[in-house]
Amino acid sequence: MRNAKTREIALTGMLFALSMALSFFESTLTPLLGLMPAMKLGLSNIVVMYAVLFLRKRSALCLVVLKAAFALLTRGVTAGFLSLCGGTLSFVIFCLLLALPFPVTGYIFSVSGALAHNIGQLMGAAVLLSSALSLAYAPILLIVGLIVGSLTYLVSHALFPAMERVFPQNATKRNFIKF
């Protein structure tokens, strides 16, 4: 039991490092693609998806909080708060999808997470601005969420089966999501 806990803590630390690297990569890639600053590819969210599917929920939630802390330290209070709002809602949606009595597709899982992340950030922005004015940005972010969710599905569709072979004992919830 202790060995499994130590292994999960180490894996969570490695996933956080991967998440930071992907977040940095996204920030450098965003201007090159001509995207608005708030629009990112969501590659670091694949790490949270992996943690929800292959680790315990506590480890996945820890990654959400650590990602928000990283955003806070590197991009400021607003970015940290919005990251926490988006990541938390996305995490909740992932957990709800896993609790369904029937399997869902990896595409639905990925797109739902991306849309939830964007909605969480919009709700956080509405709180920060004390106005619903930020919700005018919703149609754009929802379209971007569909595109980004599709991209994260394609990446996770290629990666997760390989990761399942590397860490077969962690594949408990993977059967509920059809990648």
N, C-alpha and C. Protein backbone atom coordinates (compact mmCIF):
# COMPACT_ATOMS: atom_id res chain seq x y z
N MET A 1 0.82 -1.19 0.00
CA MET A 1 0.00 0.00 0.00
C MET A 1 0.87 1.26 0.00
N ARG A 2 1.89 1.29 0.84
CA ARG A 2 2.75 2.46 0.91
C ARG A 2 3.49 2.68 -0.40
N ASN A 3 3.93 1.61 -1.03
CA ASN A 3 4.61 1.71 -2.31
C ASN A 3 3.69 2.31 -3.38
N ALA A 4 2.42 1.92 -3.38
CA ALA A 4 1.46 2.45 -4.35
C ALA A 4 1.23 3.94 -4.13
N LYS A 5 1.15 4.35 -2.86
CA LYS A 5 0.93 5.76 -2.55
C LYS A 5 2.14 6.59 -2.97
N THR A 6 3.32 6.10 -2.67
CA THR A 6 4.55 6.79 -3.06
C THR A 6 4.64 6.90 -4.57
N ARG A 7 4.27 5.83 -5.24
CA ARG A 7 4.30 5.81 -6.72
C ARG A 7 3.33 6.84 -7.29
N GLU A 8 2.14 6.95 -6.70
CA GLU A 8 1.15 7.91 -7.19
C GLU A 8 1.60 9.35 -6.93
N ILE A 9 2.22 9.60 -5.79
CA ILE A 9 2.74 10.94 -5.49
C ILE A 9 3.83 11.32 -6.50
N ALA A 10 4.71 10.38 -6.78
CA ALA A 10 5.78 10.65 -7.75
C ALA A 10 5.20 10.88 -9.14
N LEU A 11 4.23 10.08 -9.52
CA LEU A 11 3.60 10.25 -10.83
C LEU A 11 2.86 11.58 -10.91
N THR A 12 2.20 11.98 -9.83
CA THR A 12 1.51 13.28 -9.80
C THR A 12 2.51 14.42 -9.97
N GLY A 13 3.65 14.31 -9.32
CA GLY A 13 4.70 15.32 -9.48
C GLY A 13 5.21 15.40 -10.91
N MET A 14 5.40 14.25 -11.53
CA MET A 14 5.85 14.24 -12.93
C MET A 14 4.77 14.81 -13.85
N LEU A 15 3.52 14.50 -13.56
CA LEU A 15 2.42 15.05 -14.37
C LEU A 15 2.33 16.56 -14.21
N PHE A 16 2.58 17.06 -13.00
CA PHE A 16 2.57 18.50 -12.81
C PHE A 16 3.69 19.16 -13.60
N ALA A 17 4.87 18.56 -13.60
CA ALA A 17 5.99 19.09 -14.39
C ALA A 17 5.63 19.09 -15.88
N LEU A 18 5.01 18.03 -16.34
CA LEU A 18 4.57 17.97 -17.73
C LEU A 18 3.53 19.04 -18.01
N SER A 19 2.62 19.24 -17.08
CA SER A 19 1.59 20.26 -17.24
C SER A 19 2.21 21.66 -17.34
N MET A 20 3.22 21.94 -16.51
CA MET A 20 3.89 23.25 -16.58
C MET A 20 4.59 23.43 -17.92
N ALA A 21 5.25 22.38 -18.39
CA ALA A 21 5.95 22.47 -19.68
C ALA A 21 4.96 22.69 -20.82
N LEU A 22 3.84 21.98 -20.79
CA LEU A 22 2.82 22.15 -21.84
C LEU A 22 2.18 23.53 -21.75
N SER A 23 1.97 24.03 -20.56
CA SER A 23 1.41 25.37 -20.38
C SER A 23 2.36 26.42 -20.96
N PHE A 24 3.65 26.28 -20.68
CA PHE A 24 4.64 27.21 -21.23
C PHE A 24 4.66 27.12 -22.75
N PHE A 25 4.61 25.91 -23.28
CA PHE A 25 4.60 25.71 -24.74
C PHE A 25 3.36 26.36 -25.35
N GLU A 26 2.21 26.20 -24.71
CA GLU A 26 0.98 26.83 -25.20
C GLU A 26 1.10 28.34 -25.23
N SER A 27 1.70 28.92 -24.17
CA SER A 27 1.81 30.38 -24.12
C SER A 27 2.71 30.92 -25.22
N THR A 28 3.72 30.17 -25.61
CA THR A 28 4.59 30.63 -26.68
C THR A 28 3.96 30.38 -28.05
N LEU A 29 3.13 29.37 -28.15
CA LEU A 29 2.51 29.02 -29.43
C LEU A 29 1.31 29.89 -29.75
N THR A 30 0.60 30.37 -28.73
CA THR A 30 -0.63 31.15 -28.93
C THR A 30 -0.42 32.37 -29.84
N PRO A 31 0.60 33.21 -29.61
CA PRO A 31 0.78 34.37 -30.51
C PRO A 31 1.18 33.95 -31.93
N LEU A 32 1.91 32.85 -32.05
CA LEU A 32 2.33 32.40 -33.37
C LEU A 32 1.14 31.95 -34.22
N LEU A 33 0.12 31.42 -33.57
CA LEU A 33 -1.07 30.96 -34.29
C LEU A 33 -2.07 32.09 -34.50
N GLY A 34 -1.78 33.26 -33.95
CA GLY A 34 -2.67 34.41 -34.10
C GLY A 34 -3.90 34.33 -33.22
N LEU A 35 -3.82 33.55 -32.15
CA LEU A 35 -4.95 33.43 -31.24
C LEU A 35 -4.95 34.57 -30.24
N MET A 36 -6.11 34.87 -29.73
CA MET A 36 -6.22 35.88 -28.68
C MET A 36 -5.56 35.34 -27.43
N PRO A 37 -5.07 36.21 -26.53
CA PRO A 37 -4.34 35.75 -25.35
C PRO A 37 -5.11 34.75 -24.48
N ALA A 38 -6.42 34.87 -24.39
CA ALA A 38 -7.19 33.97 -23.53
C ALA A 38 -7.40 32.59 -24.16
N MET A 39 -7.12 32.48 -25.43
CA MET A 39 -7.35 31.21 -26.13
C MET A 39 -6.07 30.38 -26.14
N LYS A 40 -6.19 29.17 -25.60
CA LYS A 40 -5.04 28.26 -25.58
C LYS A 40 -5.46 26.93 -26.16
N LEU A 41 -4.49 26.11 -26.47
CA LEU A 41 -4.78 24.83 -27.10
C LEU A 41 -5.28 23.77 -26.13
N GLY A 42 -5.14 23.97 -24.86
CA GLY A 42 -5.64 23.02 -23.87
C GLY A 42 -4.79 21.77 -23.71
N LEU A 43 -3.56 21.83 -24.16
CA LEU A 43 -2.70 20.65 -24.06
C LEU A 43 -2.42 20.26 -22.61
N SER A 44 -2.28 21.26 -21.73
CA SER A 44 -2.01 20.93 -20.33
C SER A 44 -3.22 20.31 -19.65
N ASN A 45 -4.40 20.50 -20.23
CA ASN A 45 -5.60 19.87 -19.66
C ASN A 45 -5.65 18.37 -19.94
N ILE A 46 -4.89 17.92 -20.91
CA ILE A 46 -4.79 16.49 -21.18
C ILE A 46 -4.19 15.79 -19.96
N VAL A 47 -3.30 16.47 -19.28
CA VAL A 47 -2.68 15.91 -18.08
C VAL A 47 -3.73 15.67 -17.00
N VAL A 48 -4.65 16.63 -16.83
CA VAL A 48 -5.72 16.46 -15.85
C VAL A 48 -6.65 15.33 -16.28
N MET A 49 -6.96 15.27 -17.57
CA MET A 49 -7.80 14.17 -18.07
C MET A 49 -7.15 12.83 -17.74
N TYR A 50 -5.86 12.74 -17.98
CA TYR A 50 -5.14 11.50 -17.68
C TYR A 50 -5.25 11.16 -16.19
N ALA A 51 -5.04 12.17 -15.35
CA ALA A 51 -5.08 11.94 -13.90
C ALA A 51 -6.47 11.48 -13.46
N VAL A 52 -7.51 12.07 -14.02
CA VAL A 52 -8.87 11.67 -13.66
C VAL A 52 -9.12 10.21 -14.07
N LEU A 53 -8.60 9.82 -15.21
CA LEU A 53 -8.85 8.47 -15.72
C LEU A 53 -7.94 7.41 -15.11
N PHE A 54 -6.70 7.76 -14.82
CA PHE A 54 -5.73 6.74 -14.43
C PHE A 54 -5.27 6.81 -12.98
N LEU A 55 -5.55 7.93 -12.30
CA LEU A 55 -5.15 8.09 -10.90
C LEU A 55 -6.40 8.33 -10.05
N ARG A 56 -6.18 8.61 -8.78
CA ARG A 56 -7.31 8.93 -7.91
C ARG A 56 -7.77 10.36 -8.16
N LYS A 57 -9.03 10.62 -7.83
CA LYS A 57 -9.59 11.96 -8.04
C LYS A 57 -8.83 13.01 -7.24
N ARG A 58 -8.34 12.63 -6.07
CA ARG A 58 -7.59 13.57 -5.24
C ARG A 58 -6.33 14.04 -5.97
N SER A 59 -5.65 13.14 -6.67
CA SER A 59 -4.45 13.52 -7.41
C SER A 59 -4.80 14.45 -8.57
N ALA A 60 -5.92 14.16 -9.24
CA ALA A 60 -6.35 15.02 -10.34
C ALA A 60 -6.72 16.42 -9.83
N LEU A 61 -7.42 16.48 -8.71
CA LEU A 61 -7.78 17.78 -8.14
C LEU A 61 -6.53 18.54 -7.69
N CYS A 62 -5.56 17.82 -7.17
CA CYS A 62 -4.29 18.43 -6.78
C CYS A 62 -3.62 19.06 -8.00
N LEU A 63 -3.67 18.38 -9.16
CA LEU A 63 -3.10 18.95 -10.38
C LEU A 63 -3.82 20.22 -10.80
N VAL A 64 -5.14 20.24 -10.66
CA VAL A 64 -5.91 21.44 -11.00
C VAL A 64 -5.45 22.62 -10.14
N VAL A 65 -5.30 22.38 -8.85
CA VAL A 65 -4.88 23.45 -7.94
C VAL A 65 -3.44 23.87 -8.22
N LEU A 66 -2.57 22.91 -8.49
CA LEU A 66 -1.17 23.24 -8.79
C LEU A 66 -1.06 24.01 -10.11
N LYS A 67 -1.86 23.65 -11.10
CA LYS A 67 -1.86 24.39 -12.38
C LYS A 67 -2.30 25.83 -12.14
N ALA A 68 -3.32 26.02 -11.29
CA ALA A 68 -3.78 27.38 -10.99
C ALA A 68 -2.71 28.16 -10.24
N ALA A 69 -2.01 27.50 -9.33
CA ALA A 69 -0.93 28.16 -8.60
C ALA A 69 0.21 28.54 -9.56
N PHE A 70 0.50 27.68 -10.51
CA PHE A 70 1.52 27.99 -11.52
C PHE A 70 1.10 29.21 -12.34
N ALA A 71 -0.18 29.26 -12.75
CA ALA A 71 -0.67 30.42 -13.49
C ALA A 71 -0.59 31.68 -12.63
N LEU A 72 -0.92 31.55 -11.35
CA LEU A 72 -0.84 32.68 -10.43
C LEU A 72 0.59 33.22 -10.35
N LEU A 73 1.55 32.32 -10.21
CA LEU A 73 2.95 32.74 -10.07
C LEU A 73 3.55 33.28 -11.36
N THR A 74 3.13 32.77 -12.49
CA THR A 74 3.76 33.17 -13.76
C THR A 74 3.00 34.24 -14.52
N ARG A 75 1.66 34.31 -14.32
CA ARG A 75 0.87 35.25 -15.11
C ARG A 75 0.01 36.19 -14.28
N GLY A 76 0.02 36.02 -12.96
CA GLY A 76 -0.70 36.96 -12.10
C GLY A 76 -1.96 36.39 -11.47
N VAL A 77 -2.56 37.23 -10.61
CA VAL A 77 -3.72 36.82 -9.81
C VAL A 77 -4.91 36.48 -10.70
N THR A 78 -5.17 37.32 -11.69
CA THR A 78 -6.33 37.08 -12.55
C THR A 78 -6.20 35.75 -13.28
N ALA A 79 -5.05 35.49 -13.85
CA ALA A 79 -4.85 34.23 -14.57
C ALA A 79 -4.96 33.03 -13.62
N GLY A 80 -4.42 33.17 -12.42
CA GLY A 80 -4.53 32.09 -11.45
C GLY A 80 -5.96 31.81 -11.06
N PHE A 81 -6.74 32.87 -10.82
CA PHE A 81 -8.14 32.71 -10.44
C PHE A 81 -8.94 32.08 -11.58
N LEU A 82 -8.73 32.58 -12.81
CA LEU A 82 -9.46 32.03 -13.95
C LEU A 82 -9.07 30.58 -14.23
N SER A 83 -7.80 30.26 -14.04
CA SER A 83 -7.36 28.88 -14.20
C SER A 83 -8.03 27.97 -13.17
N LEU A 84 -8.13 28.45 -11.95
CA LEU A 84 -8.78 27.67 -10.90
C LEU A 84 -10.26 27.47 -11.20
N CYS A 85 -10.93 28.52 -11.66
CA CYS A 85 -12.35 28.42 -11.99
C CYS A 85 -12.59 27.43 -13.13
N GLY A 86 -11.82 27.59 -14.20
CA GLY A 86 -11.98 26.70 -15.35
C GLY A 86 -11.59 25.27 -15.04
N GLY A 87 -10.47 25.10 -14.37
CA GLY A 87 -10.00 23.76 -14.04
C GLY A 87 -10.92 23.03 -13.09
N THR A 88 -11.48 23.74 -12.12
CA THR A 88 -12.38 23.11 -11.16
C THR A 88 -13.67 22.66 -11.83
N LEU A 89 -14.26 23.52 -12.65
CA LEU A 89 -15.50 23.11 -13.34
C LEU A 89 -15.23 21.96 -14.30
N SER A 90 -14.12 22.00 -14.99
CA SER A 90 -13.75 20.91 -15.89
C SER A 90 -13.58 19.60 -15.11
N PHE A 91 -12.92 19.67 -13.96
CA PHE A 91 -12.73 18.49 -13.11
C PHE A 91 -14.07 17.92 -12.65
N VAL A 92 -14.98 18.80 -12.25
CA VAL A 92 -16.31 18.36 -11.81
C VAL A 92 -17.05 17.65 -12.95
N ILE A 93 -16.97 18.21 -14.14
CA ILE A 93 -17.63 17.60 -15.30
C ILE A 93 -17.01 16.24 -15.60
N PHE A 94 -15.69 16.13 -15.53
CA PHE A 94 -15.04 14.83 -15.74
C PHE A 94 -15.57 13.80 -14.74
N CYS A 95 -15.66 14.18 -13.49
CA CYS A 95 -16.13 13.26 -12.44
C CYS A 95 -17.58 12.88 -12.67
N LEU A 96 -18.41 13.84 -13.08
CA LEU A 96 -19.81 13.53 -13.38
C LEU A 96 -19.94 12.57 -14.56
N LEU A 97 -19.14 12.77 -15.58
CA LEU A 97 -19.18 11.87 -16.74
C LEU A 97 -18.76 10.45 -16.35
N LEU A 98 -17.79 10.35 -15.46
CA LEU A 98 -17.36 9.02 -15.00
C LEU A 98 -18.41 8.36 -14.12
N ALA A 99 -19.27 9.16 -13.49
CA ALA A 99 -20.30 8.60 -12.61
C ALA A 99 -21.54 8.15 -13.36
N LEU A 100 -21.62 8.46 -14.65
CA LEU A 100 -22.78 8.04 -15.44
C LEU A 100 -22.86 6.51 -15.48
N PRO A 101 -24.06 5.96 -15.55
CA PRO A 101 -24.19 4.49 -15.57
C PRO A 101 -23.87 3.86 -16.92
N PHE A 102 -23.51 4.66 -17.89
CA PHE A 102 -23.17 4.15 -19.21
C PHE A 102 -21.87 4.81 -19.68
N PRO A 103 -21.14 4.14 -20.57
CA PRO A 103 -19.87 4.74 -21.04
C PRO A 103 -20.13 5.90 -22.01
N VAL A 104 -19.22 6.85 -22.01
CA VAL A 104 -19.25 7.95 -22.98
C VAL A 104 -18.00 7.85 -23.84
N THR A 105 -18.04 8.52 -24.97
CA THR A 105 -16.89 8.47 -25.87
C THR A 105 -15.81 9.42 -25.37
N GLY A 106 -14.60 9.15 -25.80
CA GLY A 106 -13.48 10.04 -25.47
C GLY A 106 -13.69 11.42 -26.04
N TYR A 107 -14.36 11.50 -27.19
CA TYR A 107 -14.63 12.80 -27.79
C TYR A 107 -15.55 13.63 -26.89
N ILE A 108 -16.62 13.02 -26.41
CA ILE A 108 -17.55 13.73 -25.51
C ILE A 108 -16.82 14.13 -24.23
N PHE A 109 -15.99 13.24 -23.71
CA PHE A 109 -15.24 13.50 -22.49
C PHE A 109 -14.32 14.72 -22.69
N SER A 110 -13.57 14.73 -23.77
CA SER A 110 -12.62 15.82 -24.05
C SER A 110 -13.33 17.14 -24.31
N VAL A 111 -14.34 17.13 -25.16
CA VAL A 111 -15.04 18.36 -25.52
C VAL A 111 -15.79 18.91 -24.31
N SER A 112 -16.39 18.03 -23.52
CA SER A 112 -17.10 18.49 -22.32
C SER A 112 -16.13 19.17 -21.35
N GLY A 113 -14.95 18.61 -21.21
CA GLY A 113 -13.95 19.23 -20.34
C GLY A 113 -13.51 20.58 -20.85
N ALA A 114 -13.29 20.70 -22.16
CA ALA A 114 -12.87 21.98 -22.74
C ALA A 114 -13.97 23.03 -22.60
N LEU A 115 -15.21 22.65 -22.89
CA LEU A 115 -16.32 23.60 -22.77
C LEU A 115 -16.51 24.01 -21.30
N ALA A 116 -16.41 23.05 -20.39
CA ALA A 116 -16.56 23.37 -18.97
C ALA A 116 -15.45 24.32 -18.51
N HIS A 117 -14.24 24.09 -19.00
CA HIS A 117 -13.13 24.97 -18.64
C HIS A 117 -13.41 26.40 -19.09
N ASN A 118 -13.87 26.55 -20.31
CA ASN A 118 -14.17 27.89 -20.82
C ASN A 118 -15.34 28.53 -20.07
N ILE A 119 -16.37 27.75 -19.76
CA ILE A 119 -17.51 28.28 -19.02
C ILE A 119 -17.08 28.70 -17.61
N GLY A 120 -16.25 27.88 -16.98
CA GLY A 120 -15.73 28.22 -15.65
C GLY A 120 -14.94 29.51 -15.68
N GLN A 121 -14.13 29.69 -16.71
CA GLN A 121 -13.36 30.93 -16.82
C GLN A 121 -14.28 32.14 -17.07
N LEU A 122 -15.32 31.94 -17.88
CA LEU A 122 -16.26 33.04 -18.11
C LEU A 122 -16.99 33.42 -16.82
N MET A 123 -17.38 32.43 -16.05
CA MET A 123 -18.05 32.71 -14.76
C MET A 123 -17.08 33.42 -13.81
N GLY A 124 -15.82 32.99 -13.81
CA GLY A 124 -14.82 33.66 -12.98
C GLY A 124 -14.60 35.10 -13.42
N ALA A 125 -14.58 35.33 -14.73
CA ALA A 125 -14.41 36.69 -15.24
C ALA A 125 -15.61 37.55 -14.87
N ALA A 126 -16.81 36.97 -14.89
CA ALA A 126 -18.00 37.72 -14.50
C ALA A 126 -17.91 38.12 -13.03
N VAL A 127 -17.37 37.25 -12.19
CA VAL A 127 -17.19 37.57 -10.77
C VAL A 127 -16.16 38.68 -10.62
N LEU A 128 -15.03 38.57 -11.33
CA LEU A 128 -13.98 39.59 -11.22
C LEU A 128 -14.45 40.96 -11.70
N LEU A 129 -15.23 40.96 -12.78
CA LEU A 129 -15.69 42.22 -13.34
C LEU A 129 -16.96 42.74 -12.66
N SER A 130 -17.57 41.90 -11.82
CA SER A 130 -18.85 42.23 -11.17
C SER A 130 -19.89 42.61 -12.21
N SER A 131 -19.84 41.91 -13.33
CA SER A 131 -20.75 42.21 -14.43
C SER A 131 -20.87 40.98 -15.32
N ALA A 132 -21.98 40.90 -15.99
CA ALA A 132 -22.18 39.80 -16.94
C ALA A 132 -21.61 40.16 -18.31
N LEU A 133 -20.90 41.28 -18.39
CA LEU A 133 -20.34 41.74 -19.66
C LEU A 133 -19.39 40.71 -20.27
N SER A 134 -18.68 39.99 -19.43
CA SER A 134 -17.74 38.99 -19.94
C SER A 134 -18.45 37.87 -20.67
N LEU A 135 -19.72 37.66 -20.39
CA LEU A 135 -20.47 36.59 -21.05
C LEU A 135 -20.69 36.87 -22.54
N ALA A 136 -20.46 38.10 -22.98
CA ALA A 136 -20.55 38.42 -24.40
C ALA A 136 -19.46 37.68 -25.19
N TYR A 137 -18.43 37.29 -24.48
CA TYR A 137 -17.30 36.55 -25.06
C TYR A 137 -17.63 35.05 -25.19
N ALA A 138 -18.76 34.64 -24.64
CA ALA A 138 -19.13 33.21 -24.58
C ALA A 138 -19.23 32.53 -25.94
N PRO A 139 -19.90 33.10 -26.93
CA PRO A 139 -20.00 32.38 -28.21
C PRO A 139 -18.63 32.06 -28.82
N ILE A 140 -17.70 33.00 -28.72
CA ILE A 140 -16.37 32.76 -29.27
C ILE A 140 -15.67 31.65 -28.49
N LEU A 141 -15.71 31.73 -27.16
CA LEU A 141 -15.03 30.73 -26.34
C LEU A 141 -15.67 29.34 -26.47
N LEU A 142 -16.97 29.28 -26.69
CA LEU A 142 -17.61 27.98 -26.86
C LEU A 142 -17.21 27.34 -28.19
N ILE A 143 -17.11 28.13 -29.23
CA ILE A 143 -16.64 27.60 -30.52
C ILE A 143 -15.20 27.13 -30.40
N VAL A 144 -14.38 27.96 -29.77
CA VAL A 144 -12.98 27.58 -29.54
C VAL A 144 -12.91 26.33 -28.67
N GLY A 145 -13.80 26.22 -27.69
CA GLY A 145 -13.84 25.04 -26.83
C GLY A 145 -14.12 23.76 -27.61
N LEU A 146 -15.01 23.85 -28.58
CA LEU A 146 -15.30 22.68 -29.43
C LEU A 146 -14.07 22.28 -30.24
N ILE A 147 -13.38 23.27 -30.77
CA ILE A 147 -12.19 22.99 -31.58
C ILE A 147 -11.07 22.43 -30.70
N VAL A 148 -10.82 23.09 -29.57
CA VAL A 148 -9.76 22.66 -28.66
C VAL A 148 -10.08 21.29 -28.07
N GLY A 149 -11.35 21.07 -27.72
CA GLY A 149 -11.76 19.76 -27.20
C GLY A 149 -11.52 18.66 -28.22
N SER A 150 -11.76 18.96 -29.48
CA SER A 150 -11.49 17.99 -30.55
C SER A 150 -10.00 17.70 -30.66
N LEU A 151 -9.19 18.75 -30.52
CA LEU A 151 -7.74 18.59 -30.57
C LEU A 151 -7.25 17.75 -29.39
N THR A 152 -7.74 18.04 -28.20
CA THR A 152 -7.31 17.26 -27.04
C THR A 152 -7.78 15.81 -27.16
N TYR A 153 -8.93 15.61 -27.79
CA TYR A 153 -9.38 14.22 -28.01
C TYR A 153 -8.39 13.49 -28.92
N LEU A 154 -7.99 14.13 -30.00
CA LEU A 154 -7.07 13.48 -30.94
C LEU A 154 -5.75 13.12 -30.26
N VAL A 155 -5.24 14.03 -29.45
CA VAL A 155 -3.98 13.76 -28.75
C VAL A 155 -4.17 12.66 -27.72
N SER A 156 -5.24 12.75 -26.93
CA SER A 156 -5.46 11.74 -25.90
C SER A 156 -5.81 10.38 -26.50
N HIS A 157 -6.47 10.39 -27.63
CA HIS A 157 -6.80 9.13 -28.33
C HIS A 157 -5.51 8.40 -28.73
N ALA A 158 -4.49 9.15 -29.07
CA ALA A 158 -3.21 8.54 -29.43
C ALA A 158 -2.38 8.17 -28.20
N LEU A 159 -2.44 9.00 -27.15
CA LEU A 159 -1.57 8.80 -25.98
C LEU A 159 -2.11 7.83 -24.94
N PHE A 160 -3.39 7.90 -24.62
CA PHE A 160 -3.91 7.14 -23.49
C PHE A 160 -3.78 5.63 -23.64
N PRO A 161 -4.04 5.06 -24.81
CA PRO A 161 -3.81 3.60 -24.92
C PRO A 161 -2.35 3.22 -24.67
N ALA A 162 -1.43 4.05 -25.11
CA ALA A 162 -0.02 3.76 -24.86
C ALA A 162 0.30 3.90 -23.37
N MET A 163 -0.27 4.91 -22.73
CA MET A 163 -0.05 5.11 -21.30
C MET A 163 -0.66 3.96 -20.49
N GLU A 164 -1.75 3.41 -20.98
CA GLU A 164 -2.38 2.29 -20.29
C GLU A 164 -1.45 1.07 -20.31
N ARG A 165 -0.70 0.94 -21.37
CA ARG A 165 0.27 -0.17 -21.43
C ARG A 165 1.45 0.07 -20.50
N VAL A 166 1.82 1.34 -20.32
CA VAL A 166 2.93 1.66 -19.43
C VAL A 166 2.53 1.51 -17.96
N PHE A 167 1.31 1.95 -17.63
CA PHE A 167 0.81 1.89 -16.26
C PHE A 167 -0.49 1.08 -16.22
N PRO A 168 -0.46 -0.23 -16.46
CA PRO A 168 -1.70 -1.00 -16.54
C PRO A 168 -2.49 -1.04 -15.24
N GLN A 169 -1.85 -0.96 -14.10
CA GLN A 169 -2.57 -1.02 -12.83
C GLN A 169 -3.36 0.25 -12.55
N ASN A 170 -3.12 1.32 -13.29
CA ASN A 170 -3.83 2.57 -13.08
C ASN A 170 -5.03 2.73 -14.00
N ALA A 171 -5.35 1.73 -14.78
CA ALA A 171 -6.38 1.86 -15.82
C ALA A 171 -7.77 1.49 -15.32
N THR A 172 -8.10 1.76 -14.08
CA THR A 172 -9.37 1.32 -13.52
C THR A 172 -10.57 2.02 -14.16
N LYS A 173 -10.52 3.35 -14.33
CA LYS A 173 -11.67 4.09 -14.83
C LYS A 173 -11.67 4.21 -16.35
N ARG A 174 -10.61 3.82 -16.97
CA ARG A 174 -10.45 3.97 -18.42
C ARG A 174 -11.56 3.25 -19.18
N ASN A 175 -12.09 2.15 -18.64
CA ASN A 175 -13.10 1.38 -19.34
C ASN A 175 -14.42 2.11 -19.50
N PHE A 176 -14.66 3.16 -18.69
CA PHE A 176 -15.90 3.90 -18.80
C PHE A 176 -15.86 4.94 -19.91
N ILE A 177 -14.70 5.22 -20.43
CA ILE A 177 -14.54 6.18 -21.51
C ILE A 177 -14.00 5.43 -22.72
N LYS A 178 -14.70 5.52 -23.83
CA LYS A 178 -14.32 4.80 -25.04
C LYS A 178 -13.48 5.71 -25.94
N PHE A 179 -12.15 5.53 -25.90
CA PHE A 179 -11.26 6.33 -26.74
C PHE A 179 -11.05 5.67 -28.06
